[in-house]
C-alpha atoms as a PDB file:
ATOM      1  CA  MET A   1      61.152  -8.726 -18.897  1.00  0.00           C
ATOM      2  CA  ARG A   2      57.574 -10.495 -17.935  1.00  0.00           C
ATOM      3  CA  ARG A   3      57.436 -12.312 -14.769  1.00  0.00           C
ATOM      4  CA  THR A   4      55.298 -15.509 -14.467  1.00  0.00           C
ATOM      5  CA  PHE A   5      54.419 -17.633 -12.051  1.00  0.00           C
ATOM      6  CA  PRO A   6      54.528 -21.077 -11.132  1.00  0.00           C
ATOM      7  CA  PHE A   7      52.263 -23.555 -12.185  1.00  0.00           C
ATOM      8  CA  THR A   8      52.171 -23.973  -7.917  1.00  0.00           C
ATOM      9  CA  ALA A   9      51.926 -20.547  -7.136  1.00  0.00           C
ATOM     10  CA  LYS A  10      48.930 -20.103  -9.614  1.00  0.00           C
ATOM     11  CA  ILE A  11      47.104 -22.668  -8.129  1.00  0.00           C
ATOM     12  CA  ILE A  12      47.685 -21.119  -4.307  1.00  0.00           C
ATOM     13  CA  LEU A  13      46.148 -18.163  -5.096  1.00  0.00           C
ATOM     14  CA  ILE A  14      43.903 -19.606  -7.532  1.00  0.00           C
ATOM     15  CA  LEU A  15      42.339 -21.763  -4.170  1.00  0.00           C
ATOM     16  CA  LEU A  16      42.871 -18.338  -1.317  1.00  0.00           C
ATOM     17  CA  MET A  17      40.563 -16.787  -4.176  1.00  0.00           C
ATOM     18  CA  LEU A  18      38.124 -19.527  -3.889  1.00  0.00           C
ATOM     19  CA  ALA A  19      38.710 -19.186  -0.179  1.00  0.00           C
ATOM     20  CA  PHE A  20      37.708 -15.442   0.142  1.00  0.00           C
ATOM     21  CA  ILE A  21      34.670 -15.289  -2.025  1.00  0.00           C
ATOM     22  CA  LEU A  22      33.454 -18.534   0.581  1.00  0.00           C
ATOM     23  CA  SER A  23      34.073 -16.490   2.906  1.00  0.00           C
ATOM     24  CA  LEU A  24      32.146 -13.433   2.023  1.00  0.00           C
ATOM     25  CA  THR A  25      28.912 -15.965   1.245  1.00  0.00           C
ATOM     26  CA  ALA A  26      29.351 -17.854   5.111  1.00  0.00           C
ATOM     27  CA  CYS A  27      29.028 -14.195   6.467  1.00  0.00           C
ATOM     28  CA  THR A  28      26.419 -13.001   4.313  1.00  0.00           C
ATOM     29  CA  PRO A  29      24.138 -11.843   6.679  1.00  0.00           C
ATOM     30  CA  VAL A  30      20.786 -13.366   7.057  1.00  0.00           C
ATOM     31  CA  TYR A  31      17.254 -10.840   8.099  1.00  0.00           C
ATOM     32  CA  HIS A  32      13.585 -12.243   8.965  1.00  0.00           C
ATOM     33  CA  TYR A  33      10.546 -10.210   9.815  1.00  0.00           C
ATOM     34  CA  ASN A  34       8.028 -12.270  12.634  1.00  0.00           C
ATOM     35  CA  LEU A  35       4.915 -11.005  10.352  1.00  0.00           C
ATOM     36  CA  GLN A  36       2.474 -13.581  11.832  1.00  0.00           C
ATOM     37  CA  GLY A  37       1.861 -11.189  14.481  1.00  0.00           C
ATOM     38  CA  ALA A  38      -0.119  -8.762  12.084  1.00  0.00           C
ATOM     39  CA  TYR A  39      -3.619  -9.361  11.687  1.00  0.00           C
ATOM     40  CA  PRO A  40      -6.139  -7.047  10.104  1.00  0.00           C
ATOM     41  CA  ASP A  41      -8.308  -5.061  13.028  1.00  0.00           C
ATOM     42  CA  ILE A  42     -11.619  -5.931  11.253  1.00  0.00           C
ATOM     43  CA  SER A  43     -14.114  -3.399  12.295  1.00  0.00           C
ATOM     44  CA  GLN A  44     -17.889  -6.059  12.482  1.00  0.00           C
ATOM     45  CA  THR A  45     -18.458  -9.195  13.911  1.00  0.00           C
ATOM     46  CA  GLY A  46     -19.692 -12.140  13.192  1.00  0.00           C
ATOM     47  CA  ILE A  47     -19.897 -15.315  13.694  1.00  0.00           C
ATOM     48  CA  THR A  48     -19.233 -18.139  10.771  1.00  0.00           C
ATOM     49  CA  THR A  49     -16.755 -20.970   9.635  1.00  0.00           C
ATOM     50  CA  ILE A  50     -14.021 -19.513   7.473  1.00  0.00           C
ATOM     51  CA  ALA A  51     -11.825 -21.366   5.188  1.00  0.00           C
ATOM     52  CA  VAL A  52      -8.650 -19.225   3.766  1.00  0.00           C
ATOM     53  CA  GLY A  53      -6.025 -19.798   1.457  1.00  0.00           C
ATOM     54  CA  THR A  54      -3.198 -17.683   0.000  1.00  0.00           C
ATOM     55  CA  LEU A  55      -1.263 -18.109  -3.570  1.00  0.00           C
ATOM     56  CA  ASP A  56       1.871 -16.438  -4.149  1.00  0.00           C
ATOM     57  CA  GLN A  57       1.970 -15.086  -7.365  1.00  0.00           C
ATOM     58  CA  ARG A  58       5.236 -13.025  -7.696  1.00  0.00           C
ATOM     59  CA  SER A  59       7.145 -13.594 -10.653  1.00  0.00           C
ATOM     60  CA  PHE A  60      10.178 -13.699  -8.611  1.00  0.00           C
ATOM     61  CA  ILE A  61       8.972 -16.770  -6.832  1.00  0.00           C
ATOM     62  CA  LEU A  62       7.763 -18.633  -9.998  1.00  0.00           C
ATOM     63  CA  ASP A  63      10.539 -18.551 -11.380  1.00  0.00           C
ATOM     64  CA  GLY A  64      12.624 -19.882  -9.198  1.00  0.00           C
ATOM     65  CA  GLU A  65      14.797 -16.249  -8.593  1.00  0.00           C
ATOM     66  CA  LYS A  66      14.104 -15.788  -4.979  1.00  0.00           C
ATOM     67  CA  LYS A  67      12.476 -18.339  -2.216  1.00  0.00           C
ATOM     68  CA  PRO A  68       8.865 -18.997  -0.844  1.00  0.00           C
ATOM     69  CA  ASP A  69       9.540 -16.898   2.418  1.00  0.00           C
ATOM     70  CA  PHE A  70      11.177 -13.839   0.386  1.00  0.00           C
ATOM     71  CA  VAL A  71       9.675 -10.364   2.056  1.00  0.00           C
ATOM     72  CA  GLY A  72      11.530  -8.645   0.355  1.00  0.00           C
ATOM     73  CA  LEU A  73      15.455  -6.972   0.362  1.00  0.00           C
ATOM     74  CA  GLN A  74      17.542  -4.565   3.285  1.00  0.00           C
ATOM     75  CA  ARG A  75      20.418  -2.828   2.566  1.00  0.00           C
ATOM     76  CA  SER A  76      23.657  -2.655   3.873  1.00  0.00           C
ATOM     77  CA  GLN A  77      25.204   1.360   5.024  1.00  0.00           C
ATOM     78  CA  VAL A  78      26.437   1.078   1.347  1.00  0.00           C
ATOM     79  CA  GLY A  79      23.573  -0.116  -0.084  1.00  0.00           C
ATOM     80  CA  ILE A  80      24.159  -3.909  -0.732  1.00  0.00           C
ATOM     81  CA  PRO A  81      21.250  -5.485  -0.868  1.00  0.00           C
ATOM     82  CA  TYR A  82      20.360  -9.187   1.603  1.00  0.00           C
ATOM     83  CA  ASP A  83      17.664 -11.074   1.374  1.00  0.00           C
ATOM     84  CA  VAL A  84      14.504 -10.567   4.646  1.00  0.00           C
ATOM     85  CA  LEU A  85      13.254 -13.925   5.278  1.00  0.00           C
ATOM     86  CA  THR A  86      10.115 -15.029   7.036  1.00  0.00           C
ATOM     87  CA  ALA A  87      11.091 -15.222  10.809  1.00  0.00           C
ATOM     88  CA  SER A  88       8.708 -18.712  10.821  1.00  0.00           C
ATOM     89  CA  GLY A  89      10.624 -20.201   7.862  1.00  0.00           C
ATOM     90  CA  ASN A  90       7.900 -21.269   6.273  1.00  0.00           C
ATOM     91  CA  PRO A  91       6.371 -19.405   3.279  1.00  0.00           C
ATOM     92  CA  PHE A  92       5.276 -16.094   2.892  1.00  0.00           C
ATOM     93  CA  ALA A  93       1.948 -16.958   1.613  1.00  0.00           C
ATOM     94  CA  ASN A  94       1.285 -18.773   4.769  1.00  0.00           C
ATOM     95  CA  ASP A  95       2.078 -16.520   7.141  1.00  0.00           C
ATOM     96  CA  VAL A  96      -0.309 -14.445   5.332  1.00  0.00           C
ATOM     97  CA  SER A  97      -3.338 -16.763   5.476  1.00  0.00           C
ATOM     98  CA  VAL A  98      -2.303 -16.978   8.881  1.00  0.00           C
ATOM     99  CA  SER A  99      -2.419 -13.266   9.699  1.00  0.00           C
ATOM    100  CA  ALA A 100      -5.933 -13.165   7.846  1.00  0.00           C
ATOM    101  CA  GLU A 101      -6.862 -15.709  10.314  1.00  0.00           C
ATOM    102  CA  LEU A 102      -6.054 -14.864  13.220  1.00  0.00           C
ATOM    103  CA  GLY A 103      -8.194 -11.414  12.510  1.00  0.00           C
ATOM    104  CA  LEU A 104     -11.267 -13.699  11.750  1.00  0.00           C
ATOM    105  CA  ASP A 105     -10.698 -15.165  14.705  1.00  0.00           C
ATOM    106  CA  LYS A 106     -10.975 -11.679  16.860  1.00  0.00           C
ATOM    107  CA  ILE A 107     -14.311 -10.826  15.280  1.00  0.00           C
ATOM    108  CA  GLY A 108     -15.609 -14.286  16.232  1.00  0.00           C
ATOM    109  CA  SER A 109     -15.374 -16.124  13.431  1.00  0.00           C
ATOM    110  CA  ASN A 110     -13.774 -19.692  13.529  1.00  0.00           C
ATOM    111  CA  ALA A 111     -11.235 -19.485  10.634  1.00  0.00           C
ATOM    112  CA  ASN A 112      -9.261 -22.550   9.925  1.00  0.00           C
ATOM    113  CA  PHE A 113      -6.104 -22.312   6.841  1.00  0.00           C
ATOM    114  CA  THR A 114      -5.136 -24.484   4.616  1.00  0.00           C
ATOM    115  CA  SER A 115      -1.065 -24.308   3.567  1.00  0.00           C
ATOM    116  CA  ILE A 116      -1.517 -23.934  -0.666  1.00  0.00           C
ATOM    117  CA  PRO A 117       2.293 -24.240  -2.895  1.00  0.00           C
ATOM    118  CA  PHE A 118       3.017 -21.273  -5.308  1.00  0.00           C
ATOM    119  CA  THR A 119       3.031 -24.352  -8.338  1.00  0.00           C
ATOM    120  CA  ALA A 120      -0.864 -24.929  -7.561  1.00  0.00           C
ATOM    121  CA  THR A 121      -2.683 -23.600 -10.047  1.00  0.00           C
ATOM    122  CA  PRO A 122      -5.369 -20.916  -9.046  1.00  0.00           C
ATOM    123  CA  GLN A 123      -8.353 -23.628  -9.052  1.00  0.00           C
ATOM    124  CA  GLU A 124      -6.225 -26.089  -7.363  1.00  0.00           C
ATOM    125  CA  ALA A 125      -5.717 -23.250  -4.418  1.00  0.00           C
ATOM    126  CA  LYS A 126      -9.391 -22.902  -4.747  1.00  0.00           C
ATOM    127  CA  ASP A 127     -10.142 -26.802  -4.573  1.00  0.00           C
ATOM    128  CA  ALA A 128      -7.796 -27.221  -1.307  1.00  0.00           C
ATOM    129  CA  ILE A 129      -9.728 -24.281   0.674  1.00  0.00           C
ATOM    130  CA  PHE A 130     -13.317 -25.549  -0.843  1.00  0.00           C
ATOM    131  CA  SER A 131     -11.817 -28.621   0.834  1.00  0.00           C
ATOM    132  CA  LEU A 132     -12.388 -28.020   3.983  1.00  0.00           C
ATOM    133  CA  GLU A 133     -16.139 -28.015   3.823  1.00  0.00           C
ATOM    134  CA  GLN A 134     -16.345 -24.095   5.914  1.00  0.00           C
ATOM    135  CA  GLU A 135     -19.494 -21.919   5.792  1.00  0.00           C
ATOM    136  CA  ARG A 136     -17.688 -19.293   3.279  1.00  0.00           C
ATOM    137  CA  SER A 137     -14.205 -19.321   1.308  1.00  0.00           C
ATOM    138  CA  LEU A 138     -11.403 -16.443   1.022  1.00  0.00           C
ATOM    139  CA  PHE A 139      -9.346 -17.293  -1.174  1.00  0.00           C
ATOM    140  CA  ILE A 140      -5.876 -14.971  -1.105  1.00  0.00           C
ATOM    141  CA  VAL A 141      -3.807 -13.973  -3.971  1.00  0.00           C
ATOM    142  CA  ILE A 142      -0.426 -12.301  -3.979  1.00  0.00           C
ATOM    143  CA  ASN A 143       0.431 -10.577  -6.978  1.00  0.00           C
ATOM    144  CA  LYS A 144       2.750  -8.337  -5.362  1.00  0.00           C
ATOM    145  CA  TRP A 145       4.656  -8.355  -2.391  1.00  0.00           C
ATOM    146  CA  LYS A 146       8.161  -6.216  -1.785  1.00  0.00           C
ATOM    147  CA  THR A 147       9.746  -4.276   0.999  1.00  0.00           C
ATOM    148  CA  ASP A 148      13.368  -2.293   0.158  1.00  0.00           C
ATOM    149  CA  SER A 149      14.740  -1.165   3.185  1.00  0.00           C
ATOM    150  CA  TYR A 150      17.982   1.025   3.140  1.00  0.00           C
ATOM    151  CA  TYR A 151      17.556   4.543   5.376  1.00  0.00           C
ATOM    152  CA  SER A 152      13.741   4.382   4.510  1.00  0.00           C
ATOM    153  CA  VAL A 153      11.424   1.623   3.510  1.00  0.00           C
ATOM    154  CA  TYR A 154      10.033   0.981   0.569  1.00  0.00           C
ATOM    155  CA  LEU A 155       6.697  -1.607   0.075  1.00  0.00           C
ATOM    156  CA  SER A 156       5.200  -2.455  -3.629  1.00  0.00           C
ATOM    157  CA  TYR A 157       2.385  -4.722  -2.709  1.00  0.00           C
ATOM    158  CA  ASP A 158      -0.726  -6.081  -5.350  1.00  0.00           C
ATOM    159  CA  LEU A 159      -3.096  -8.499  -2.920  1.00  0.00           C
ATOM    160  CA  GLN A 160      -6.608  -9.920  -4.700  1.00  0.00           C
ATOM    161  CA  ALA A 161      -9.125 -11.789  -2.578  1.00  0.00           C
ATOM    162  CA  PHE A 162     -11.926 -13.508  -2.733  1.00  0.00           C
ATOM    163  CA  VAL A 163     -14.946 -14.653  -1.206  1.00  0.00           C
ATOM    164  CA  TYR A 164     -16.845 -18.101  -2.087  1.00  0.00           C
ATOM    165  CA  ASP A 165     -19.620 -19.653  -0.849  1.00  0.00           C
ATOM    166  CA  LYS A 166     -19.777 -23.428   0.712  1.00  0.00           C
ATOM    167  CA  GLU A 167     -20.832 -24.473  -2.922  1.00  0.00           C
ATOM    168  CA  GLY A 168     -18.272 -22.718  -4.594  1.00  0.00           C
ATOM    169  CA  ASN A 169     -19.945 -18.712  -5.898  1.00  0.00           C
ATOM    170  CA  LEU A 170     -18.227 -16.347  -6.046  1.00  0.00           C
ATOM    171  CA  LEU A 171     -20.003 -13.841  -3.576  1.00  0.00           C
ATOM    172  CA  ALA A 172     -17.304 -10.958  -4.000  1.00  0.00           C
ATOM    173  CA  GLU A 173     -13.860 -10.062  -4.297  1.00  0.00           C
ATOM    174  CA  ASN A 174     -10.929  -6.849  -3.725  1.00  0.00           C
ATOM    175  CA  ARG A 175      -7.922  -5.545  -4.444  1.00  0.00           C
ATOM    176  CA  THR A 176      -5.487  -3.261  -3.283  1.00  0.00           C
ATOM    177  CA  PHE A 177      -2.248  -2.523  -4.542  1.00  0.00           C
ATOM    178  CA  GLY A 178       0.426   0.928  -4.973  1.00  0.00           C
ATOM    179  CA  SER A 179       4.247   1.879  -3.852  1.00  0.00           C
ATOM    180  CA  ASP A 180       4.382   2.915  -0.524  1.00  0.00           C
ATOM    181  CA  LYS A 181       7.405   4.828   1.639  1.00  0.00           C
ATOM    182  CA  LEU A 182       6.899   3.532   5.083  1.00  0.00           C
ATOM    183  CA  GLY A 183       8.842   5.415   6.692  1.00  0.00           C
ATOM    184  CA  GLY A 184      12.751   5.313   7.692  1.00  0.00           C
ATOM    185  CA  ASP A 185      14.843   5.180  11.148  1.00  0.00           C
ATOM    186  CA  MET A 186      18.712   6.430  10.151  1.00  0.00           C
ATOM    187  CA  PHE A 187      19.603   5.520  12.708  1.00  0.00           C
ATOM    188  CA  ASN A 188      18.059   1.937  13.203  1.00  0.00           C
ATOM    189  CA  ILE A 189      16.525   1.308  10.244  1.00  0.00           C
ATOM    190  CA  LEU A 190      16.152  -2.449  10.673  1.00  0.00           C
ATOM    191  CA  ALA A 191      14.411  -2.709  13.475  1.00  0.00           C
ATOM    192  CA  TYR A 192      11.955  -0.135  11.954  1.00  0.00           C
ATOM    193  CA  ALA A 193      12.290  -2.027   9.013  1.00  0.00           C
ATOM    194  CA  ARG A 194      11.032  -5.152  11.206  1.00  0.00           C
ATOM    195  CA  ASN A 195       7.905  -3.020  12.921  1.00  0.00           C
ATOM    196  CA  ALA A 196       6.834  -1.318   9.155  1.00  0.00           C
ATOM    197  CA  ALA A 197       6.758  -3.972   7.592  1.00  0.00           C
ATOM    198  CA  THR A 198       4.439  -6.047  10.459  1.00  0.00           C
ATOM    199  CA  SER A 199       2.564  -2.916  10.703  1.00  0.00           C
ATOM    200  CA  ALA A 200       1.951  -2.730   6.600  1.00  0.00           C
ATOM    201  CA  LEU A 201       0.790  -6.354   6.252  1.00  0.00           C
ATOM    202  CA  SER A 202      -1.498  -5.789   9.000  1.00  0.00           C
ATOM    203  CA  GLN A 203      -3.206  -3.038   6.843  1.00  0.00           C
ATOM    204  CA  LYS A 204      -3.165  -3.728   3.747  1.00  0.00           C
ATOM    205  CA  LEU A 205      -5.031  -7.016   5.254  1.00  0.00           C
ATOM    206  CA  ASP A 206      -7.218  -4.668   6.687  1.00  0.00           C
ATOM    207  CA  GLN A 207      -7.994  -2.617   3.282  1.00  0.00           C
ATOM    208  CA  LEU A 208      -8.648  -6.413   1.862  1.00  0.00           C
ATOM    209  CA  ILE A 209     -11.218  -7.677   3.869  1.00  0.00           C
ATOM    210  CA  ASP A 210     -12.501  -4.829   5.607  1.00  0.00           C
ATOM    211  CA  THR A 211     -15.030  -3.312   3.351  1.00  0.00           C
ATOM    212  CA  GLN A 212     -18.840  -3.707   3.250  1.00  0.00           C
ATOM    213  CA  VAL A 213     -19.400  -5.514   0.275  1.00  0.00           C
ATOM    214  CA  MET A 214     -16.260  -8.045   1.477  1.00  0.00           C
ATOM    215  CA  LEU A 215     -17.842  -8.470   5.132  1.00  0.00           C
ATOM    216  CA  ASP A 216     -21.421  -8.836   4.194  1.00  0.00           C
ATOM    217  CA  ALA A 217     -19.933 -10.976   1.867  1.00  0.00           C
ATOM    218  CA  LEU A 218     -17.922 -13.255   4.615  1.00  0.00           C
ATOM    219  CA  LEU A 219     -20.105 -13.804   7.345  1.00  0.00           C
ATOM    220  CA  ARG A 220     -23.564 -13.360   6.431  1.00  0.00           C
END
């Protein structure tokens, strides 16, 4: 004989299941990386005014799968992925601009950044940067950036940079892309991943900006 649940018991069971699901959601950890301390170690000094802007073109941002402050994934001990967001609460593109601005300021230039929404077209983004009316404009495009941390930290990236003069003429461009293993720590991977992500952003911006062609365009 098949046992059936009374209607009231079924309702209670459903409510308990919903409460359990909600409790799991409420306990979902949120991880943050402080990336605004990152900056490129530029090897050449120069005194000029530079406008900086960054456009986020990551596919999962454009299609709404992730929010603009998404940096990557931090996995639990059993491999469950959780989102890592910017500690600033700002879009990742803003943190990139702030980091580039800081690096340029440290070599004697006067850099200023403008915030660009990911919904902007490349031309709209450039127009926003040009509107700051600086001697040079640095336009950075994020095609890919995603960390993935378990017991090791991995980074996939694809960054482009373009330098323009005051009239909007393209003077130089550069690109850095790839997939890197950033090392790991079996005992404290979260702290290691935070430091590794900050260092990686510094290094990738350095690769992007600190070349002779780019510096000649930016600083002369």
